[in-house]
Protein backbone atom coordinates (compact mmCIF):
# COMPACT_ATOMS: atom_id res chain seq x y z
CA UNK A 1 74.93 85.46 110.83
CA UNK A 2 76.75 87.39 108.44
CA UNK A 3 80.03 87.92 110.61
CA UNK A 4 82.53 84.95 110.50
CA UNK A 5 84.11 83.74 113.66
CA UNK A 6 87.55 84.63 114.05
CA UNK A 7 90.31 81.91 114.27
CA UNK A 8 92.22 84.05 116.74
CA UNK A 9 90.73 84.97 120.04
CA UNK A 10 92.84 87.67 120.94
CA UNK A 11 96.01 90.05 120.43
CA UNK A 12 99.60 89.35 121.95
CA UNK A 13 101.74 92.08 123.21
CA UNK A 14 102.15 94.40 126.04
CA UNK A 15 98.98 96.28 127.19
CA UNK A 16 99.32 100.18 127.09
CA UNK A 17 99.43 101.64 130.53
CA UNK A 18 96.50 103.83 130.99
CA UNK A 19 97.32 107.63 130.19
CA UNK A 20 95.30 111.09 129.91
CA UNK A 21 93.62 111.23 126.51
CA UNK A 22 93.20 114.54 124.60
CA UNK A 23 89.45 115.88 124.55
CA UNK A 24 89.19 115.39 120.95
CA UNK A 25 89.51 111.54 121.30
CA UNK A 26 86.28 109.48 121.12
CA UNK A 27 85.42 107.84 124.58
CA UNK A 28 84.23 104.95 122.64
CA UNK A 29 87.65 103.99 121.58
CA UNK A 30 88.79 102.73 118.11
CA UNK A 31 87.66 100.69 115.49
CA UNK A 32 90.84 99.12 113.62
CA UNK A 33 89.63 98.33 109.94
CA UNK A 34 91.06 96.67 107.07
CA UNK A 35 89.01 96.14 103.72
CA UNK A 36 89.90 94.14 100.69
CA UNK A 37 88.54 95.23 97.42
CA UNK A 38 88.22 94.33 93.79
CA UNK A 39 90.49 97.33 92.90
CA UNK A 40 91.38 100.86 93.74
CA UNK A 41 88.77 102.66 91.65
CA UNK A 42 85.72 104.67 92.58
CA UNK A 43 83.56 102.08 91.02
CA UNK A 44 85.50 99.08 92.94
CA UNK A 45 83.82 97.20 95.60
CA UNK A 46 84.44 95.89 98.91
CA UNK A 47 84.87 92.17 99.03
CA UNK A 48 85.93 91.47 102.86
CA UNK A 49 86.04 93.55 105.97
CA UNK A 50 88.01 93.01 109.26
CA UNK A 51 87.50 95.23 112.34
CA UNK A 52 89.40 94.97 115.56
CA UNK A 53 87.57 97.18 118.47
CA UNK A 54 89.92 98.87 121.07
CA UNK A 55 88.64 100.84 123.94
CA UNK A 56 90.01 104.43 124.61
CA UNK A 57 93.34 102.57 126.13
CA UNK A 58 93.97 100.37 123.51
CA UNK A 59 92.49 97.23 124.94
CA UNK A 60 90.91 94.74 122.57
CA UNK A 61 87.09 94.20 123.19
CA UNK A 62 86.20 92.40 120.28
CA UNK A 63 86.67 91.58 116.57
CA UNK A 64 84.73 90.86 113.52
CA UNK A 65 84.89 89.71 109.94
CA UNK A 66 82.69 89.15 106.87
CA UNK A 67 83.30 88.20 103.38
CA UNK A 68 81.00 90.65 100.97
CA UNK A 69 79.79 89.52 97.55
CA UNK A 70 80.45 92.64 95.25
CA UNK A 71 78.07 91.40 92.54
CA UNK A 72 80.93 91.48 90.16
CA UNK A 73 84.29 89.94 89.25
CA UNK A 74 86.33 89.70 92.47
CA UNK A 75 89.40 91.51 90.76
CA UNK A 76 93.05 90.36 91.95
CA UNK A 77 92.32 86.85 93.41
CA UNK A 78 96.22 86.27 93.41
CA UNK A 79 96.29 89.13 96.20
CA UNK A 80 93.23 88.75 98.39
CA UNK A 81 92.61 84.99 97.42
CA UNK A 82 88.98 85.35 97.40
CA UNK A 83 87.59 83.45 94.41
CA UNK A 84 84.41 83.97 92.72
CA UNK A 85 83.18 80.64 94.22
CA UNK A 86 84.07 81.66 97.66
CA UNK A 87 82.17 84.94 97.31
CA UNK A 88 78.98 83.42 95.75
CA UNK A 89 77.18 82.81 98.74
CA UNK A 90 78.37 85.73 100.93
CA UNK A 91 76.15 88.57 101.97
CA UNK A 92 75.91 91.83 100.01
CA UNK A 93 77.19 94.92 101.58
CA UNK A 94 73.55 96.22 102.33
CA UNK A 95 72.96 93.06 104.25
CA UNK A 96 75.89 93.64 106.38
CA UNK A 97 75.73 97.29 106.62
CA UNK A 98 73.88 97.43 109.68
CA UNK A 99 76.12 95.09 111.67
CA UNK A 100 79.27 96.72 110.37
CA UNK A 101 77.79 100.09 111.28
CA UNK A 102 77.36 98.98 115.05
CA UNK A 103 81.12 97.83 115.12
CA UNK A 104 82.26 101.49 113.90
CA UNK A 105 79.67 103.83 115.62
CA UNK A 106 81.15 106.51 117.62
CA UNK A 107 84.59 105.17 117.42
CA UNK A 108 87.97 106.66 115.48
CA UNK A 109 88.27 104.44 112.58
CA UNK A 110 92.05 103.36 112.57
CA UNK A 111 93.46 102.26 109.11
CA UNK A 112 96.81 101.94 107.27
CA UNK A 113 96.20 104.32 104.43
CA UNK A 114 93.06 105.54 106.15
CA UNK A 115 91.92 107.60 103.23
CA UNK A 116 91.61 104.31 101.00
CA UNK A 117 89.62 102.27 103.47
CA UNK A 118 87.26 105.32 104.37
CA UNK A 119 86.70 106.16 100.74
CA UNK A 120 85.98 102.36 99.82
CA UNK A 121 83.53 101.99 103.01
CA UNK A 122 81.83 105.29 102.83
CA UNK A 123 80.65 104.67 98.99
CA UNK A 124 79.45 101.23 99.89
CA UNK A 125 77.25 102.71 102.67
CA UNK A 126 76.29 105.34 100.19
CA UNK A 127 75.37 102.89 97.57
CA UNK A 128 72.99 101.35 100.34
CA UNK A 129 71.31 104.45 101.05
CA UNK A 130 73.21 104.83 104.33
CA UNK A 131 75.82 106.81 105.92
CA UNK A 132 78.97 105.46 107.56
CA UNK A 133 78.73 106.29 111.25
CA UNK A 134 82.48 107.43 111.74
CA UNK A 135 83.36 111.04 112.26
CA UNK A 136 86.89 110.66 112.45
CA UNK A 137 89.69 108.58 111.14
CA UNK A 138 93.37 107.98 111.86
CA UNK A 139 96.20 106.92 109.53
CA UNK A 140 98.93 104.78 111.03
CA UNK A 141 101.30 105.89 108.26
CA UNK A 142 100.85 109.32 109.34
CA UNK A 143 101.13 108.57 113.04
CA UNK A 144 104.24 106.41 112.32
CA UNK A 145 105.71 109.51 110.77
CA UNK A 146 104.77 111.86 113.55
CA UNK A 147 106.41 109.33 116.14
CA UNK A 148 109.48 109.48 114.16
CA UNK A 149 109.50 105.96 113.78
CA UNK A 150 112.70 104.34 112.02
CA UNK A 151 110.96 102.66 109.21
CA UNK A 152 112.57 102.05 105.69
CA UNK A 153 109.18 102.79 104.05
CA UNK A 154 105.39 102.97 104.64
CA UNK A 155 104.28 99.77 104.05
CA UNK A 156 102.15 97.87 106.72
CA UNK A 157 104.51 94.87 107.00
CA UNK A 158 107.41 97.44 107.83
CA UNK A 159 105.29 98.83 110.79
CA UNK A 160 104.33 95.67 112.15
CA UNK A 161 107.81 94.26 111.92
CA UNK A 162 108.99 97.50 113.89
CA UNK A 163 107.03 96.10 116.82
CA UNK A 164 107.71 92.44 116.23
CA UNK A 165 104.11 91.60 115.33
CA UNK A 166 103.93 88.25 113.13
CA UNK A 167 101.62 88.53 109.97
CA UNK A 168 99.94 85.19 109.66
CA UNK A 169 98.06 86.03 106.17
CA UNK A 170 98.89 89.11 104.33
CA UNK A 171 95.83 90.65 102.74
CA UNK A 172 93.21 88.86 104.75
CA UNK A 173 90.93 91.54 106.19
CA UNK A 174 91.02 90.20 109.40
CA UNK A 175 94.86 89.36 109.88
CA UNK A 176 95.66 92.61 108.35
CA UNK A 177 93.30 94.28 111.18
CA UNK A 178 94.87 92.33 113.48
CA UNK A 179 98.39 93.11 112.97
CA UNK A 180 97.51 96.68 112.69
CA UNK A 181 95.74 96.76 115.86
CA UNK A 182 98.90 95.21 117.65
CA UNK A 183 101.16 97.73 115.96
CA UNK A 184 98.74 100.67 116.92
CA UNK A 185 98.29 99.88 120.52
CA UNK A 186 102.13 100.47 121.41
CA UNK A 187 102.08 103.39 119.28
CA UNK A 188 99.04 105.17 120.84
CA UNK A 189 101.02 104.24 124.28
CA UNK A 190 104.13 105.86 122.83
CA UNK A 191 102.06 109.06 121.41
CA UNK A 192 100.48 109.55 125.01
CA UNK A 193 103.91 109.16 126.89
CA UNK A 194 105.31 111.97 124.69
CA UNK A 195 102.27 113.99 124.82
CA UNK A 196 101.92 113.90 120.88
CA UNK A 197 98.23 114.69 119.75
CA UNK A 198 96.95 111.98 117.56
CA UNK A 199 96.56 113.04 113.84
CA UNK A 200 92.66 112.74 113.63
CA UNK A 201 91.02 113.74 110.34
CA UNK A 202 87.22 114.52 109.93
CA UNK A 203 85.42 112.05 107.84
CA UNK A 204 83.65 113.33 104.98
CA UNK A 205 81.07 111.24 103.30
CA UNK A 206 81.86 110.08 99.83
CA UNK A 207 78.82 110.55 97.31
CA UNK A 208 80.84 110.12 94.12
CA UNK A 209 80.06 106.56 93.48
CA UNK A 210 81.86 106.34 89.88
CA UNK A 211 78.74 105.85 87.73
CA UNK A 212 80.67 107.34 84.78
CA UNK A 213 83.52 104.89 85.05
CA UNK A 214 83.76 102.07 82.36
CA UNK A 215 81.73 99.03 83.00
CA UNK A 216 82.93 96.31 85.10
CA UNK A 217 84.86 93.75 83.53
CA UNK A 218 82.91 90.66 82.73
CA UNK A 219 83.25 87.63 85.36
CA UNK A 220 86.44 85.51 84.83
CA UNK A 221 88.38 88.54 83.66
CA UNK A 222 90.08 91.59 85.43
CA UNK A 223 91.97 94.73 84.25
CA UNK A 224 93.53 96.81 87.18
CA UNK A 225 91.79 99.80 88.33
CA UNK A 226 93.77 102.59 89.69
CA UNK A 227 92.76 105.90 91.69
CA UNK A 228 91.27 108.30 88.91
CA UNK A 229 93.64 111.25 88.16
CA UNK A 230 92.24 114.49 89.54
CA UNK A 231 91.10 117.06 87.06
CA UNK A 232 93.34 119.91 87.96
CA UNK A 233 93.66 123.27 86.27
CA UNK A 234 96.79 123.34 83.95
CA UNK A 235 99.73 124.69 85.73
CA UNK A 236 100.23 128.29 84.48
CA UNK A 237 103.71 128.50 84.92
CA UNK A 238 106.42 127.25 82.22
CA UNK A 239 108.80 124.40 83.41
CA UNK A 240 111.99 126.02 84.47
CA UNK A 241 113.82 122.77 84.49
CA UNK A 242 115.23 120.38 87.06
CA UNK A 243 115.61 121.02 90.61
CA UNK A 244 119.12 121.07 92.10
CA UNK A 245 119.94 119.95 95.66
CA UNK A 246 120.34 123.02 97.89
CA UNK A 247 118.04 125.19 95.80
CA UNK A 248 114.27 125.77 96.47
CA UNK A 249 111.58 124.42 94.39
CA UNK A 250 110.25 127.00 91.61
CA UNK A 251 106.89 127.49 90.45
CA UNK A 252 106.31 125.39 87.12
CA UNK A 253 108.50 122.57 88.08
CA UNK A 254 107.42 119.17 87.00
CA UNK A 255 106.99 116.97 90.21
CA UNK A 256 106.00 113.01 90.08
CA UNK A 257 105.34 111.07 93.17
CA UNK A 258 105.70 107.21 93.57
CA UNK A 259 105.03 104.92 96.37
CA UNK A 260 103.63 104.80 99.78
CA UNK A 261 103.46 108.05 101.57
CA UNK A 262 102.70 109.06 104.99
CA UNK A 263 100.78 112.23 103.86
CA UNK A 264 97.73 111.13 102.08
CA UNK A 265 98.60 111.38 98.11
CA UNK A 266 95.79 113.64 97.10
CA UNK A 267 96.47 115.93 99.92
CA UNK A 268 100.17 115.85 99.14
CA UNK A 269 99.31 116.76 95.48
CA UNK A 270 96.99 119.39 96.46
CA UNK A 271 99.69 121.20 98.52
CA UNK A 272 102.02 120.81 95.30
CA UNK A 273 99.71 122.27 93.02
CA UNK A 274 98.60 125.28 95.31
CA UNK A 275 102.20 125.83 95.50
CA UNK A 276 102.33 126.54 91.82
CA UNK A 277 104.15 122.89 90.85
CA UNK A 278 103.03 120.63 88.17
CA UNK A 279 101.94 116.96 89.14
CA UNK A 280 103.46 114.86 86.49
CA UNK A 281 101.81 111.26 86.05
CA UNK A 282 104.95 109.89 84.78
CA UNK A 283 108.85 110.47 84.77
CA UNK A 284 110.77 111.97 81.61
CA UNK A 285 113.46 114.13 80.60
CA UNK A 286 111.12 117.00 81.67
CA UNK A 287 110.75 115.74 85.09
CA UNK A 288 112.01 118.27 87.59
CA UNK A 289 111.93 115.92 90.75
CA UNK A 290 110.74 112.44 91.86
CA UNK A 291 109.34 112.31 95.39
CA UNK A 292 109.56 108.96 96.80
CA UNK A 293 110.27 106.98 100.15
CA UNK A 294 111.88 104.06 98.40
CA UNK A 295 114.33 105.51 95.78
CA UNK A 296 115.75 102.00 95.39
CA UNK A 297 112.28 100.55 94.36
CA UNK A 298 111.48 98.83 90.99
CA UNK A 299 108.46 101.30 90.32
CA UNK A 300 108.47 102.45 86.78
CA UNK A 301 108.64 105.79 87.91
CA UNK A 302 111.84 104.81 90.18
CA UNK A 303 113.45 103.02 87.46
CA UNK A 304 113.16 105.64 84.86
CA UNK A 305 114.43 108.28 87.42
CA UNK A 306 117.64 106.37 87.98
CA UNK A 307 117.95 105.86 84.30
CA UNK A 308 117.50 109.68 83.41
CA UNK A 309 119.25 110.85 86.47
CA UNK A 310 116.12 112.72 87.55
CA UNK A 311 116.49 114.35 91.15
CA UNK A 312 114.96 112.30 93.91
CA UNK A 313 113.90 113.60 97.42
CA UNK A 314 111.82 111.68 100.21
CA UNK A 315 108.54 112.82 101.61
CA UNK A 316 109.85 114.83 104.57
CA UNK A 317 112.32 116.62 102.47
CA UNK A 318 109.58 117.46 99.81
CA UNK A 319 107.18 118.89 102.52
CA UNK A 320 110.21 121.27 103.83
CA UNK A 321 110.79 122.25 100.10
CA UNK A 322 107.05 123.22 99.80
CA UNK A 323 107.08 125.57 102.42
CA UNK A 324 109.21 128.23 100.33
CA UNK A 325 108.67 127.76 96.69
CA UNK A 326 110.20 130.33 94.69
CA UNK A 327 108.18 132.32 92.23
CA UNK A 328 108.52 131.59 88.26
CA UNK A 329 111.34 134.26 87.12
CA UNK A 330 109.35 134.98 83.86
CA UNK A 331 105.69 134.95 84.83
CA UNK A 332 104.08 137.57 87.08
CA UNK A 333 101.24 136.58 89.27
CA UNK A 334 99.07 139.44 88.08
CA UNK A 335 99.61 137.93 84.47
CA UNK A 336 98.27 134.64 85.47
């Protein structure tokens, strides 16, 4: 038996009232998922999976949890708490893939920053020579934004606190799935009460397994792994300088992004690049604008922006600015 029995038998909180569902939603309901991993890169591996199954009305019908032996160093033990000794006798992903597939099959996968969880699971299924049986996913960061919830940031802890949900063990995959399920239930009810269509995204299987990445660190050591930068064509426009409040963005401006965003980060960057902006990986005197939902945070980019007086806007304001980016005054489109 690969699954580990949950220490919690059910969820607290009010039960959503039945309501009509848009046709796009699955009759099988939802699978609220959390994964803990060895890192954030393409070659990183899953070390634990938690799933809460909800029916189409948001009622909990089951839950499931397993450790997964990544066959490598477990990475940030100080975050997920899973040591090499704890994972040594755990099943490998191929050994639990069939059971996990049954927990997901036909359901909308719900996760907080769902693109990350989907990518990690999709790669693991692909390594096992299988396809994850998920057609659609729903990101609770995006749903919270669409509902207009008054959250201070995009963190899971802020979402669950808004609904009065108690976190028992942060970064435990089962407990993170539990609290997310508790927060998703009233979010689902609210969306249906106001007639808001759920922000469902079609899942595309990931086959890039990161074989070209550097080899995994030796057991007993760990170096952080971050999402690799996308290889994008160079921005064809010169940097026109800093953005000024009340003015439009101008093609060629250097934009940096930091912190959690409701819009999937790669999609946000893609939209900026398509508009003719340059995505900067750091903040310098040349940076035109920093996009962050937490301007007072202590991230390196936010601190540097405060030091340099770099203009800062939130994600929603940035999305508005992207609607009308001014053409660069010195470069004609025909010259590019």
